Amino acid sequence: LAFSIPMAWWERSFRRWLARKVNPDDGSVFTFDGSPKEIWYWFPP
């Protein structure tokens, strides 16, 4: 509703959460460190 301007920051936070919630059975972990500044300008249009 905010013209999708914050959408890239939502994507970054959601995908960090998603990486943490995907649990390999060997005890290792996924992480995500992407920067929203790389993609934010695609969402408002």
ModelCIF file with pLDDT and N, C-alpha, C, O atoms, coordinates in Angstrom:
data_MODEL
#
_entry.id   MODEL 
#
_entity.id                         1 
_entity.type                       polymer 
_entity.pdbx_number_of_molecules   1 
#
_entity_poly.entity_id                      1 
_entity_poly.type                           'polypeptide(L)' 
_entity_poly.nstd_linkage                   no 
_entity_poly.nstd_monomer                   no 
_entity_poly.pdbx_seq_one_letter_code       LAFSIPMAWWERSFRRWLARKVNPDDGSVFTFDGSPKEIWYWFPP 
_entity_poly.pdbx_seq_one_letter_code_can   LAFSIPMAWWERSFRRWLARKVNPDDGSVFTFDGSPKEIWYWFPP 
_entity_poly.pdbx_strand_id                 A 
#
loop_
_entity_poly_seq.entity_id 
_entity_poly_seq.num 
_entity_poly_seq.mon_id 
_entity_poly_seq.hetero 
1 1  LEU n 
1 2  ALA n 
1 3  PHE n 
1 4  SER n 
1 5  ILE n 
1 6  PRO n 
1 7  MET n 
1 8  ALA n 
1 9  TRP n 
1 10 TRP n 
1 11 GLU n 
1 12 ARG n 
1 13 SER n 
1 14 PHE n 
1 15 ARG n 
1 16 ARG n 
1 17 TRP n 
1 18 LEU n 
1 19 ALA n 
1 20 ARG n 
1 21 LYS n 
1 22 VAL n 
1 23 ASN n 
1 24 PRO n 
1 25 ASP n 
1 26 ASP n 
1 27 GLY n 
1 28 SER n 
1 29 VAL n 
1 30 PHE n 
1 31 THR n 
1 32 PHE n 
1 33 ASP n 
1 34 GLY n 
1 35 SER n 
1 36 PRO n 
1 37 LYS n 
1 38 GLU n 
1 39 ILE n 
1 40 TRP n 
1 41 TYR n 
1 42 TRP n 
1 43 PHE n 
1 44 PRO n 
1 45 PRO n 
#
_struct_asym.id          A 
_struct_asym.entity_id   1 
#
loop_
_ma_qa_metric.id 
_ma_qa_metric.mode 
_ma_qa_metric.name 
_ma_qa_metric.software_group_id 
_ma_qa_metric.type 
1 global pLDDT . pLDDT 
2 local  pLDDT . pLDDT 
#
_ma_qa_metric_global.metric_id      1 
_ma_qa_metric_global.metric_value   94.18 
_ma_qa_metric_global.model_id       1 
_ma_qa_metric_global.ordinal_id     1 
#
loop_
_ma_qa_metric_local.label_asym_id 
_ma_qa_metric_local.label_comp_id 
_ma_qa_metric_local.label_seq_id 
_ma_qa_metric_local.metric_id 
_ma_qa_metric_local.metric_value 
_ma_qa_metric_local.model_id 
_ma_qa_metric_local.ordinal_id 
A LEU 1  2 83.00 1 1  
A ALA 2  2 85.00 1 2  
A PHE 3  2 81.00 1 3  
A SER 4  2 89.00 1 4  
A ILE 5  2 90.00 1 5  
A PRO 6  2 94.00 1 6  
A MET 7  2 95.00 1 7  
A ALA 8  2 96.00 1 8  
A TRP 9  2 97.00 1 9  
A TRP 10 2 97.00 1 10 
A GLU 11 2 97.00 1 11 
A ARG 12 2 97.00 1 12 
A SER 13 2 97.00 1 13 
A PHE 14 2 97.00 1 14 
A ARG 15 2 97.00 1 15 
A ARG 16 2 97.00 1 16 
A TRP 17 2 97.00 1 17 
A LEU 18 2 96.00 1 18 
A ALA 19 2 96.00 1 19 
A ARG 20 2 96.00 1 20 
A LYS 21 2 97.00 1 21 
A VAL 22 2 97.00 1 22 
A ASN 23 2 96.00 1 23 
A PRO 24 2 95.00 1 24 
A ASP 25 2 92.00 1 25 
A ASP 26 2 88.00 1 26 
A GLY 27 2 88.00 1 27 
A SER 28 2 90.00 1 28 
A VAL 29 2 94.00 1 29 
A PHE 30 2 96.00 1 30 
A THR 31 2 96.00 1 31 
A PHE 32 2 97.00 1 32 
A ASP 33 2 95.00 1 33 
A GLY 34 2 95.00 1 34 
A SER 35 2 96.00 1 35 
A PRO 36 2 97.00 1 36 
A LYS 37 2 96.00 1 37 
A GLU 38 2 96.00 1 38 
A ILE 39 2 97.00 1 39 
A TRP 40 2 96.00 1 40 
A TYR 41 2 95.00 1 41 
A TRP 42 2 95.00 1 42 
A PHE 43 2 95.00 1 43 
A PRO 44 2 93.00 1 44 
A PRO 45 2 92.00 1 45 
#
loop_
_atom_site.group_PDB 
_atom_site.id 
_atom_site.type_symbol 
_atom_site.label_atom_id 
_atom_site.label_alt_id 
_atom_site.label_comp_id 
_atom_site.label_asym_id 
_atom_site.label_entity_id 
_atom_site.label_seq_id 
_atom_site.pdbx_PDB_ins_code 
_atom_site.Cartn_x 
_atom_site.Cartn_y 
_atom_site.Cartn_z 
_atom_site.occupancy 
_atom_site.B_iso_or_equiv 
_atom_site.pdbx_formal_charge 
_atom_site.auth_seq_id 
_atom_site.auth_comp_id 
_atom_site.auth_asym_id 
_atom_site.auth_atom_id 
_atom_site.pdbx_PDB_model_num 
ATOM 1   N N  . LEU A 1 1  ? 0.810  -1.204  0.000   1.00 83.00 ? 1  LEU A N  1 
ATOM 2   C CA . LEU A 1 1  ? 0.000  0.000   0.000   1.00 83.00 ? 1  LEU A CA 1 
ATOM 3   C C  . LEU A 1 1  ? 0.850  1.262   0.000   1.00 83.00 ? 1  LEU A C  1 
ATOM 4   O O  . LEU A 1 1  ? 0.378  2.332   -0.387  1.00 83.00 ? 1  LEU A O  1 
ATOM 5   N N  . ALA A 1 2  ? 2.106  1.142   0.434   1.00 85.00 ? 2  ALA A N  1 
ATOM 6   C CA . ALA A 1 2  ? 3.035  2.281   0.392   1.00 85.00 ? 2  ALA A CA 1 
ATOM 7   C C  . ALA A 1 2  ? 3.748  2.319   -0.955  1.00 85.00 ? 2  ALA A C  1 
ATOM 8   O O  . ALA A 1 2  ? 4.939  2.624   -1.021  1.00 85.00 ? 2  ALA A O  1 
ATOM 9   N N  . PHE A 1 3  ? 3.017  2.009   -2.034  1.00 81.00 ? 3  PHE A N  1 
ATOM 10  C CA . PHE A 1 3  ? 3.544  2.009   -3.409  1.00 81.00 ? 3  PHE A CA 1 
ATOM 11  C C  . PHE A 1 3  ? 4.750  1.086   -3.565  1.00 81.00 ? 3  PHE A C  1 
ATOM 12  O O  . PHE A 1 3  ? 5.602  1.302   -4.427  1.00 81.00 ? 3  PHE A O  1 
ATOM 13  N N  . SER A 1 4  ? 4.810  0.059   -2.722  1.00 89.00 ? 4  SER A N  1 
ATOM 14  C CA . SER A 1 4  ? 5.847  -0.988  -2.789  1.00 89.00 ? 4  SER A CA 1 
ATOM 15  C C  . SER A 1 4  ? 7.262  -0.459  -2.547  1.00 89.00 ? 4  SER A C  1 
ATOM 16  O O  . SER A 1 4  ? 8.229  -1.185  -2.778  1.00 89.00 ? 4  SER A O  1 
ATOM 17  N N  . ILE A 1 5  ? 7.404  0.772   -2.091  1.00 90.00 ? 5  ILE A N  1 
ATOM 18  C CA . ILE A 1 5  ? 8.745  1.315   -1.835  1.00 90.00 ? 5  ILE A CA 1 
ATOM 19  C C  . ILE A 1 5  ? 9.483  0.507   -0.773  1.00 90.00 ? 5  ILE A C  1 
ATOM 20  O O  . ILE A 1 5  ? 10.673 0.245   -0.946  1.00 90.00 ? 5  ILE A O  1 
ATOM 21  N N  . PRO A 1 6  ? 8.818  0.090   0.343   1.00 94.00 ? 6  PRO A N  1 
ATOM 22  C CA . PRO A 1 6  ? 9.544  -0.705  1.359   1.00 94.00 ? 6  PRO A CA 1 
ATOM 23  C C  . PRO A 1 6  ? 9.656  -2.193  1.011   1.00 94.00 ? 6  PRO A C  1 
ATOM 24  O O  . PRO A 1 6  ? 10.162 -2.970  1.821   1.00 94.00 ? 6  PRO A O  1 
ATOM 25  N N  . MET A 1 7  ? 9.195  -2.607  -0.179  1.00 95.00 ? 7  MET A N  1 
ATOM 26  C CA . MET A 1 7  ? 9.078  -4.033  -0.466  1.00 95.00 ? 7  MET A CA 1 
ATOM 27  C C  . MET A 1 7  ? 10.423 -4.750  -0.445  1.00 95.00 ? 7  MET A C  1 
ATOM 28  O O  . MET A 1 7  ? 10.500 -5.901  -0.017  1.00 95.00 ? 7  MET A O  1 
ATOM 29  N N  . ALA A 1 8  ? 11.481 -4.087  -0.902  1.00 96.00 ? 8  ALA A N  1 
ATOM 30  C CA . ALA A 1 8  ? 12.798 -4.739  -0.907  1.00 96.00 ? 8  ALA A CA 1 
ATOM 31  C C  . ALA A 1 8  ? 13.271 -5.011  0.512   1.00 96.00 ? 8  ALA A C  1 
ATOM 32  O O  . ALA A 1 8  ? 13.929 -6.021  0.760   1.00 96.00 ? 8  ALA A O  1 
ATOM 33  N N  . TRP A 1 9  ? 12.943 -4.118  1.451   1.00 97.00 ? 9  TRP A N  1 
ATOM 34  C CA . TRP A 1 9  ? 13.334 -4.344  2.851   1.00 97.00 ? 9  TRP A CA 1 
ATOM 35  C C  . TRP A 1 9  ? 12.495 -5.475  3.443   1.00 97.00 ? 9  TRP A C  1 
ATOM 36  O O  . TRP A 1 9  ? 12.984 -6.247  4.266   1.00 97.00 ? 9  TRP A O  1 
ATOM 37  N N  . TRP A 1 10 ? 11.228 -5.573  3.023   1.00 97.00 ? 10 TRP A N  1 
ATOM 38  C CA . TRP A 1 10 ? 10.405 -6.716  3.427   1.00 97.00 ? 10 TRP A CA 1 
ATOM 39  C C  . TRP A 1 10 ? 11.011 -8.008  2.891   1.00 97.00 ? 10 TRP A C  1 
ATOM 40  O O  . TRP A 1 10 ? 11.116 -8.996  3.618   1.00 97.00 ? 10 TRP A O  1 
ATOM 41  N N  . GLU A 1 11 ? 11.408 -8.000  1.625   1.00 97.00 ? 11 GLU A N  1 
ATOM 42  C CA . GLU A 1 11 ? 12.017 -9.188  1.019   1.00 97.00 ? 11 GLU A CA 1 
ATOM 43  C C  . GLU A 1 11 ? 13.261 -9.606  1.788   1.00 97.00 ? 11 GLU A C  1 
ATOM 44  O O  . GLU A 1 11 ? 13.446 -10.794 2.052   1.00 97.00 ? 11 GLU A O  1 
ATOM 45  N N  . ARG A 1 12 ? 14.123 -8.649  2.156   1.00 97.00 ? 12 ARG A N  1 
ATOM 46  C CA . ARG A 1 12 ? 15.336 -8.984  2.888   1.00 97.00 ? 12 ARG A CA 1 
ATOM 47  C C  . ARG A 1 12 ? 15.012 -9.621  4.234   1.00 97.00 ? 12 ARG A C  1 
ATOM 48  O O  . ARG A 1 12 ? 15.584 -10.652 4.585   1.00 97.00 ? 12 ARG A O  1 
ATOM 49  N N  . SER A 1 13 ? 14.094 -9.012  4.992   1.00 97.00 ? 13 SER A N  1 
ATOM 50  C CA . SER A 1 13 ? 13.751 -9.539  6.307   1.00 97.00 ? 13 SER A CA 1 
ATOM 51  C C  . SER A 1 13 ? 13.056 -10.892 6.204   1.00 97.00 ? 13 SER A C  1 
ATOM 52  O O  . SER A 1 13 ? 13.356 -11.804 6.975   1.00 97.00 ? 13 SER A O  1 
ATOM 53  N N  . PHE A 1 14 ? 12.121 -11.028 5.249   1.00 97.00 ? 14 PHE A N  1 
ATOM 54  C CA . PHE A 1 14 ? 11.396 -12.282 5.088   1.00 97.00 ? 14 PHE A CA 1 
ATOM 55  C C  . PHE A 1 14 ? 12.342 -13.410 4.701   1.00 97.00 ? 14 PHE A C  1 
ATOM 56  O O  . PHE A 1 14 ? 12.224 -14.522 5.215   1.00 97.00 ? 14 PHE A O  1 
ATOM 57  N N  . ARG A 1 15 ? 13.270 -13.138 3.807   1.00 97.00 ? 15 ARG A N  1 
ATOM 58  C CA . ARG A 1 15 ? 14.172 -14.193 3.348   1.00 97.00 ? 15 ARG A CA 1 
ATOM 59  C C  . ARG A 1 15 ? 15.222 -14.536 4.395   1.00 97.00 ? 15 ARG A C  1 
ATOM 60  O O  . ARG A 1 15 ? 15.713 -15.665 4.412   1.00 97.00 ? 15 ARG A O  1 
ATOM 61  N N  . ARG A 1 16 ? 15.573 -13.624 5.247   1.00 97.00 ? 16 ARG A N  1 
ATOM 62  C CA . ARG A 1 16 ? 16.412 -13.969 6.404   1.00 97.00 ? 16 ARG A CA 1 
ATOM 63  C C  . ARG A 1 16 ? 15.672 -14.931 7.319   1.00 97.00 ? 16 ARG A C  1 
ATOM 64  O O  . ARG A 1 16 ? 16.219 -15.938 7.770   1.00 97.00 ? 16 ARG A O  1 
ATOM 65  N N  . TRP A 1 17 ? 14.410 -14.595 7.582   1.00 97.00 ? 17 TRP A N  1 
ATOM 66  C CA . TRP A 1 17 ? 13.587 -15.472 8.419   1.00 97.00 ? 17 TRP A CA 1 
ATOM 67  C C  . TRP A 1 17 ? 13.417 -16.842 7.759   1.00 97.00 ? 17 TRP A C  1 
ATOM 68  O O  . TRP A 1 17 ? 13.541 -17.872 8.421   1.00 97.00 ? 17 TRP A O  1 
ATOM 69  N N  . LEU A 1 18 ? 13.134 -16.850 6.453   1.00 96.00 ? 18 LEU A N  1 
ATOM 70  C CA . LEU A 1 18 ? 12.940 -18.092 5.730   1.00 96.00 ? 18 LEU A CA 1 
ATOM 71  C C  . LEU A 1 18 ? 14.186 -18.962 5.787   1.00 96.00 ? 18 LEU A C  1 
ATOM 72  O O  . LEU A 1 18 ? 14.088 -20.172 5.991   1.00 96.00 ? 18 LEU A O  1 
ATOM 73  N N  . ALA A 1 19 ? 15.367 -18.354 5.607   1.00 96.00 ? 19 ALA A N  1 
ATOM 74  C CA . ALA A 1 19 ? 16.615 -19.124 5.666   1.00 96.00 ? 19 ALA A CA 1 
ATOM 75  C C  . ALA A 1 19 ? 16.789 -19.778 7.037   1.00 96.00 ? 19 ALA A C  1 
ATOM 76  O O  . ALA A 1 19 ? 17.252 -20.915 7.131   1.00 96.00 ? 19 ALA A O  1 
ATOM 77  N N  . ARG A 1 20 ? 16.419 -19.061 8.096   1.00 96.00 ? 20 ARG A N  1 
ATOM 78  C CA . ARG A 1 20 ? 16.539 -19.626 9.448   1.00 96.00 ? 20 ARG A CA 1 
ATOM 79  C C  . ARG A 1 20 ? 15.555 -20.759 9.684   1.00 96.00 ? 20 ARG A C  1 
ATOM 80  O O  . ARG A 1 20 ? 15.830 -21.669 10.467  1.00 96.00 ? 20 ARG A O  1 
ATOM 81  N N  . LYS A 1 21 ? 14.403 -20.709 9.008   1.00 97.00 ? 21 LYS A N  1 
ATOM 82  C CA . LYS A 1 21 ? 13.365 -21.717 9.224   1.00 97.00 ? 21 LYS A CA 1 
ATOM 83  C C  . LYS A 1 21 ? 13.538 -22.966 8.366   1.00 97.00 ? 21 LYS A C  1 
ATOM 84  O O  . LYS A 1 21 ? 12.816 -23.944 8.558   1.00 97.00 ? 21 LYS A O  1 
ATOM 85  N N  . VAL A 1 22 ? 14.470 -22.953 7.432   1.00 97.00 ? 22 VAL A N  1 
ATOM 86  C CA . VAL A 1 22 ? 14.796 -24.153 6.661   1.00 97.00 ? 22 VAL A CA 1 
ATOM 87  C C  . VAL A 1 22 ? 15.920 -24.860 7.391   1.00 97.00 ? 22 VAL A C  1 
ATOM 88  O O  . VAL A 1 22 ? 17.059 -24.393 7.389   1.00 97.00 ? 22 VAL A O  1 
ATOM 89  N N  . ASN A 1 23 ? 15.605 -25.984 8.016   1.00 96.00 ? 23 ASN A N  1 
ATOM 90  C CA . ASN A 1 23 ? 16.530 -26.644 8.937   1.00 96.00 ? 23 ASN A CA 1 
ATOM 91  C C  . ASN A 1 23 ? 17.098 -27.925 8.342   1.00 96.00 ? 23 ASN A C  1 
ATOM 92  O O  . ASN A 1 23 ? 16.371 -28.910 8.212   1.00 96.00 ? 23 ASN A O  1 
ATOM 93  N N  . PRO A 1 24 ? 18.395 -27.937 7.972   1.00 95.00 ? 24 PRO A N  1 
ATOM 94  C CA . PRO A 1 24 ? 19.043 -29.176 7.529   1.00 95.00 ? 24 PRO A CA 1 
ATOM 95  C C  . PRO A 1 24 ? 19.177 -30.154 8.692   1.00 95.00 ? 24 PRO A C  1 
ATOM 96  O O  . PRO A 1 24 ? 19.367 -29.735 9.834   1.00 95.00 ? 24 PRO A O  1 
ATOM 97  N N  . ASP A 1 25 ? 19.079 -31.464 8.408   1.00 92.00 ? 25 ASP A N  1 
ATOM 98  C CA . ASP A 1 25 ? 19.107 -32.450 9.492   1.00 92.00 ? 25 ASP A CA 1 
ATOM 99  C C  . ASP A 1 25 ? 20.517 -32.757 9.987   1.00 92.00 ? 25 ASP A C  1 
ATOM 100 O O  . ASP A 1 25 ? 20.681 -33.591 10.878  1.00 92.00 ? 25 ASP A O  1 
ATOM 101 N N  . ASP A 1 26 ? 21.548 -32.098 9.426   1.00 88.00 ? 26 ASP A N  1 
ATOM 102 C CA . ASP A 1 26 ? 22.900 -32.328 9.929   1.00 88.00 ? 26 ASP A CA 1 
ATOM 103 C C  . ASP A 1 26 ? 23.315 -31.256 10.934  1.00 88.00 ? 26 ASP A C  1 
ATOM 104 O O  . ASP A 1 26 ? 24.470 -31.224 11.359  1.00 88.00 ? 26 ASP A O  1 
ATOM 105 N N  . GLY A 1 27 ? 22.378 -30.370 11.322  1.00 88.00 ? 27 GLY A N  1 
ATOM 106 C CA . GLY A 1 27 ? 22.676 -29.346 12.318  1.00 88.00 ? 27 GLY A CA 1 
ATOM 107 C C  . GLY A 1 27 ? 23.224 -28.057 11.755  1.00 88.00 ? 27 GLY A C  1 
ATOM 108 O O  . GLY A 1 27 ? 23.402 -27.098 12.506  1.00 88.00 ? 27 GLY A O  1 
ATOM 109 N N  . SER A 1 28 ? 23.499 -27.992 10.466  1.00 90.00 ? 28 SER A N  1 
ATOM 110 C CA . SER A 1 28 ? 23.998 -26.756 9.874   1.00 90.00 ? 28 SER A CA 1 
ATOM 111 C C  . SER A 1 28 ? 22.842 -25.788 9.646   1.00 90.00 ? 28 SER A C  1 
ATOM 112 O O  . SER A 1 28 ? 21.682 -26.139 9.857   1.00 90.00 ? 28 SER A O  1 
ATOM 113 N N  . VAL A 1 29 ? 23.159 -24.574 9.216   1.00 94.00 ? 29 VAL A N  1 
ATOM 114 C CA . VAL A 1 29 ? 22.123 -23.547 9.052   1.00 94.00 ? 29 VAL A CA 1 
ATOM 115 C C  . VAL A 1 29 ? 22.307 -22.818 7.727   1.00 94.00 ? 29 VAL A C  1 
ATOM 116 O O  . VAL A 1 29 ? 23.403 -22.734 7.173   1.00 94.00 ? 29 VAL A O  1 
ATOM 117 N N  . PHE A 1 30 ? 21.178 -22.295 7.244   1.00 96.00 ? 30 PHE A N  1 
ATOM 118 C CA . PHE A 1 30 ? 21.195 -21.368 6.116   1.00 96.00 ? 30 PHE A CA 1 
ATOM 119 C C  . PHE A 1 30 ? 21.171 -19.938 6.661   1.00 96.00 ? 30 PHE A C  1 
ATOM 120 O O  . PHE A 1 30 ? 20.552 -19.671 7.691   1.00 96.00 ? 30 PHE A O  1 
ATOM 121 N N  . THR A 1 31 ? 21.844 -19.027 5.968   1.00 96.00 ? 31 THR A N  1 
ATOM 122 C CA . THR A 1 31 ? 21.761 -17.607 6.286   1.00 96.00 ? 31 THR A CA 1 
ATOM 123 C C  . THR A 1 31 ? 21.577 -16.835 4.986   1.00 96.00 ? 31 THR A C  1 
ATOM 124 O O  . THR A 1 31 ? 21.813 -17.357 3.896   1.00 96.00 ? 31 THR A O  1 
ATOM 125 N N  . PHE A 1 32 ? 21.153 -15.592 5.121   1.00 97.00 ? 32 PHE A N  1 
ATOM 126 C CA . PHE A 1 32 ? 20.956 -14.737 3.947   1.00 97.00 ? 32 PHE A CA 1 
ATOM 127 C C  . PHE A 1 32 ? 21.441 -13.340 4.283   1.00 97.00 ? 32 PHE A C  1 
ATOM 128 O O  . PHE A 1 32 ? 21.079 -12.790 5.323   1.00 97.00 ? 32 PHE A O  1 
ATOM 129 N N  . ASP A 1 33 ? 22.263 -12.758 3.407   1.00 95.00 ? 33 ASP A N  1 
ATOM 130 C CA . ASP A 1 33 ? 22.844 -11.446 3.681   1.00 95.00 ? 33 ASP A CA 1 
ATOM 131 C C  . ASP A 1 33 ? 22.679 -10.470 2.514   1.00 95.00 ? 33 ASP A C  1 
ATOM 132 O O  . ASP A 1 33 ? 23.508 -9.576  2.342   1.00 95.00 ? 33 ASP A O  1 
ATOM 133 N N  . GLY A 1 34 ? 21.623 -10.626 1.713   1.00 95.00 ? 34 GLY A N  1 
ATOM 134 C CA . GLY A 1 34 ? 21.408 -9.721  0.586   1.00 95.00 ? 34 GLY A CA 1 
ATOM 135 C C  . GLY A 1 34 ? 21.036 -8.320  1.031   1.00 95.00 ? 34 GLY A C  1 
ATOM 136 O O  . GLY A 1 34 ? 20.406 -8.146  2.074   1.00 95.00 ? 34 GLY A O  1 
ATOM 137 N N  . SER A 1 35 ? 21.417 -7.323  0.253   1.00 96.00 ? 35 SER A N  1 
ATOM 138 C CA . SER A 1 35 ? 21.112 -5.928  0.557   1.00 96.00 ? 35 SER A CA 1 
ATOM 139 C C  . SER A 1 35 ? 19.917 -5.452  -0.256  1.00 96.00 ? 35 SER A C  1 
ATOM 140 O O  . SER A 1 35 ? 19.898 -5.631  -1.473  1.00 96.00 ? 35 SER A O  1 
ATOM 141 N N  . PRO A 1 36 ? 18.905 -4.841  0.394   1.00 97.00 ? 36 PRO A N  1 
ATOM 142 C CA . PRO A 1 36 ? 17.731 -4.360  -0.350  1.00 97.00 ? 36 PRO A CA 1 
ATOM 143 C C  . PRO A 1 36 ? 18.066 -3.231  -1.319  1.00 97.00 ? 36 PRO A C  1 
ATOM 144 O O  . PRO A 1 36 ? 17.308 -2.977  -2.255  1.00 97.00 ? 36 PRO A O  1 
ATOM 145 N N  . LYS A 1 37 ? 19.187 -2.555  -1.108  1.00 96.00 ? 37 LYS A N  1 
ATOM 146 C CA . LYS A 1 37 ? 19.565 -1.456  -1.996  1.00 96.00 ? 37 LYS A CA 1 
ATOM 147 C C  . LYS A 1 37 ? 19.841 -1.945  -3.419  1.00 96.00 ? 37 LYS A C  1 
ATOM 148 O O  . LYS A 1 37 ? 19.822 -1.155  -4.363  1.00 96.00 ? 37 LYS A O  1 
ATOM 149 N N  . GLU A 1 38 ? 20.096 -3.235  -3.570  1.00 96.00 ? 38 GLU A N  1 
ATOM 150 C CA . GLU A 1 38 ? 20.389 -3.782  -4.891  1.00 96.00 ? 38 GLU A CA 1 
ATOM 151 C C  . GLU A 1 38 ? 19.143 -3.966  -5.759  1.00 96.00 ? 38 GLU A C  1 
ATOM 152 O O  . GLU A 1 38 ? 19.254 -4.083  -6.979  1.00 96.00 ? 38 GLU A O  1 
ATOM 153 N N  . ILE A 1 39 ? 17.955 -3.992  -5.140  1.00 97.00 ? 39 ILE A N  1 
ATOM 154 C CA . ILE A 1 39 ? 16.753 -4.328  -5.918  1.00 97.00 ? 39 ILE A CA 1 
ATOM 155 C C  . ILE A 1 39 ? 15.565 -3.406  -5.657  1.00 97.00 ? 39 ILE A C  1 
ATOM 156 O O  . ILE A 1 39 ? 14.537 -3.568  -6.315  1.00 97.00 ? 39 ILE A O  1 
ATOM 157 N N  . TRP A 1 40 ? 15.649 -2.456  -4.741  1.00 96.00 ? 40 TRP A N  1 
ATOM 158 C CA . TRP A 1 40 ? 14.466 -1.725  -4.281  1.00 96.00 ? 40 TRP A CA 1 
ATOM 159 C C  . TRP A 1 40 ? 13.758 -0.974  -5.407  1.00 96.00 ? 40 TRP A C  1 
ATOM 160 O O  . TRP A 1 40 ? 12.534 -0.841  -5.385  1.00 96.00 ? 40 TRP A O  1 
ATOM 161 N N  . TYR A 1 41 ? 14.514 -0.484  -6.389  1.00 95.00 ? 41 TYR A N  1 
ATOM 162 C CA . TYR A 1 41 ? 13.940 0.377   -7.424  1.00 95.00 ? 41 TYR A CA 1 
ATOM 163 C C  . TYR A 1 41 ? 13.055 -0.367  -8.415  1.00 95.00 ? 41 TYR A C  1 
ATOM 164 O O  . TYR A 1 41 ? 12.377 0.272   -9.220  1.00 95.00 ? 41 TYR A O  1 
ATOM 165 N N  . TRP A 1 42 ? 13.038 -1.709  -8.383  1.00 95.00 ? 42 TRP A N  1 
ATOM 166 C CA . TRP A 1 42 ? 12.167 -2.469  -9.276  1.00 95.00 ? 42 TRP A CA 1 
ATOM 167 C C  . TRP A 1 42 ? 10.739 -2.558  -8.750  1.00 95.00 ? 42 TRP A C  1 
ATOM 168 O O  . TRP A 1 42 ? 9.813  -2.783  -9.529  1.00 95.00 ? 42 TRP A O  1 
ATOM 169 N N  . PHE A 1 43 ? 10.545 -2.386  -7.451  1.00 95.00 ? 43 PHE A N  1 
ATOM 170 C CA . PHE A 1 43 ? 9.232  -2.639  -6.854  1.00 95.00 ? 43 PHE A CA 1 
ATOM 171 C C  . PHE A 1 43 ? 8.227  -1.499  -7.020  1.00 95.00 ? 43 PHE A C  1 
ATOM 172 O O  . PHE A 1 43 ? 7.063  -1.786  -7.298  1.00 95.00 ? 43 PHE A O  1 
ATOM 173 N N  . PRO A 1 44 ? 8.604  -0.210  -6.866  1.00 93.00 ? 44 PRO A N  1 
ATOM 174 C CA . PRO A 1 44 ? 7.594  0.848   -7.030  1.00 93.00 ? 44 PRO A CA 1 
ATOM 175 C C  . PRO A 1 44 ? 6.888  0.844   -8.373  1.00 93.00 ? 44 PRO A C  1 
ATOM 176 O O  . PRO A 1 44 ? 5.666  0.994   -8.384  1.00 93.00 ? 44 PRO A O  1 
ATOM 177 N N  . PRO A 1 45 ? 7.577  0.680   -9.536  1.00 92.00 ? 45 PRO A N  1 
ATOM 178 C CA . PRO A 1 45 ? 6.817  0.622   -10.806 1.00 92.00 ? 45 PRO A CA 1 
ATOM 179 C C  . PRO A 1 45 ? 5.829  -0.533  -10.844 1.00 92.00 ? 45 PRO A C  1 
ATOM 180 O O  . PRO A 1 45 ? 5.125  -0.710  -11.838 1.00 92.00 ? 45 PRO A O  1 
#
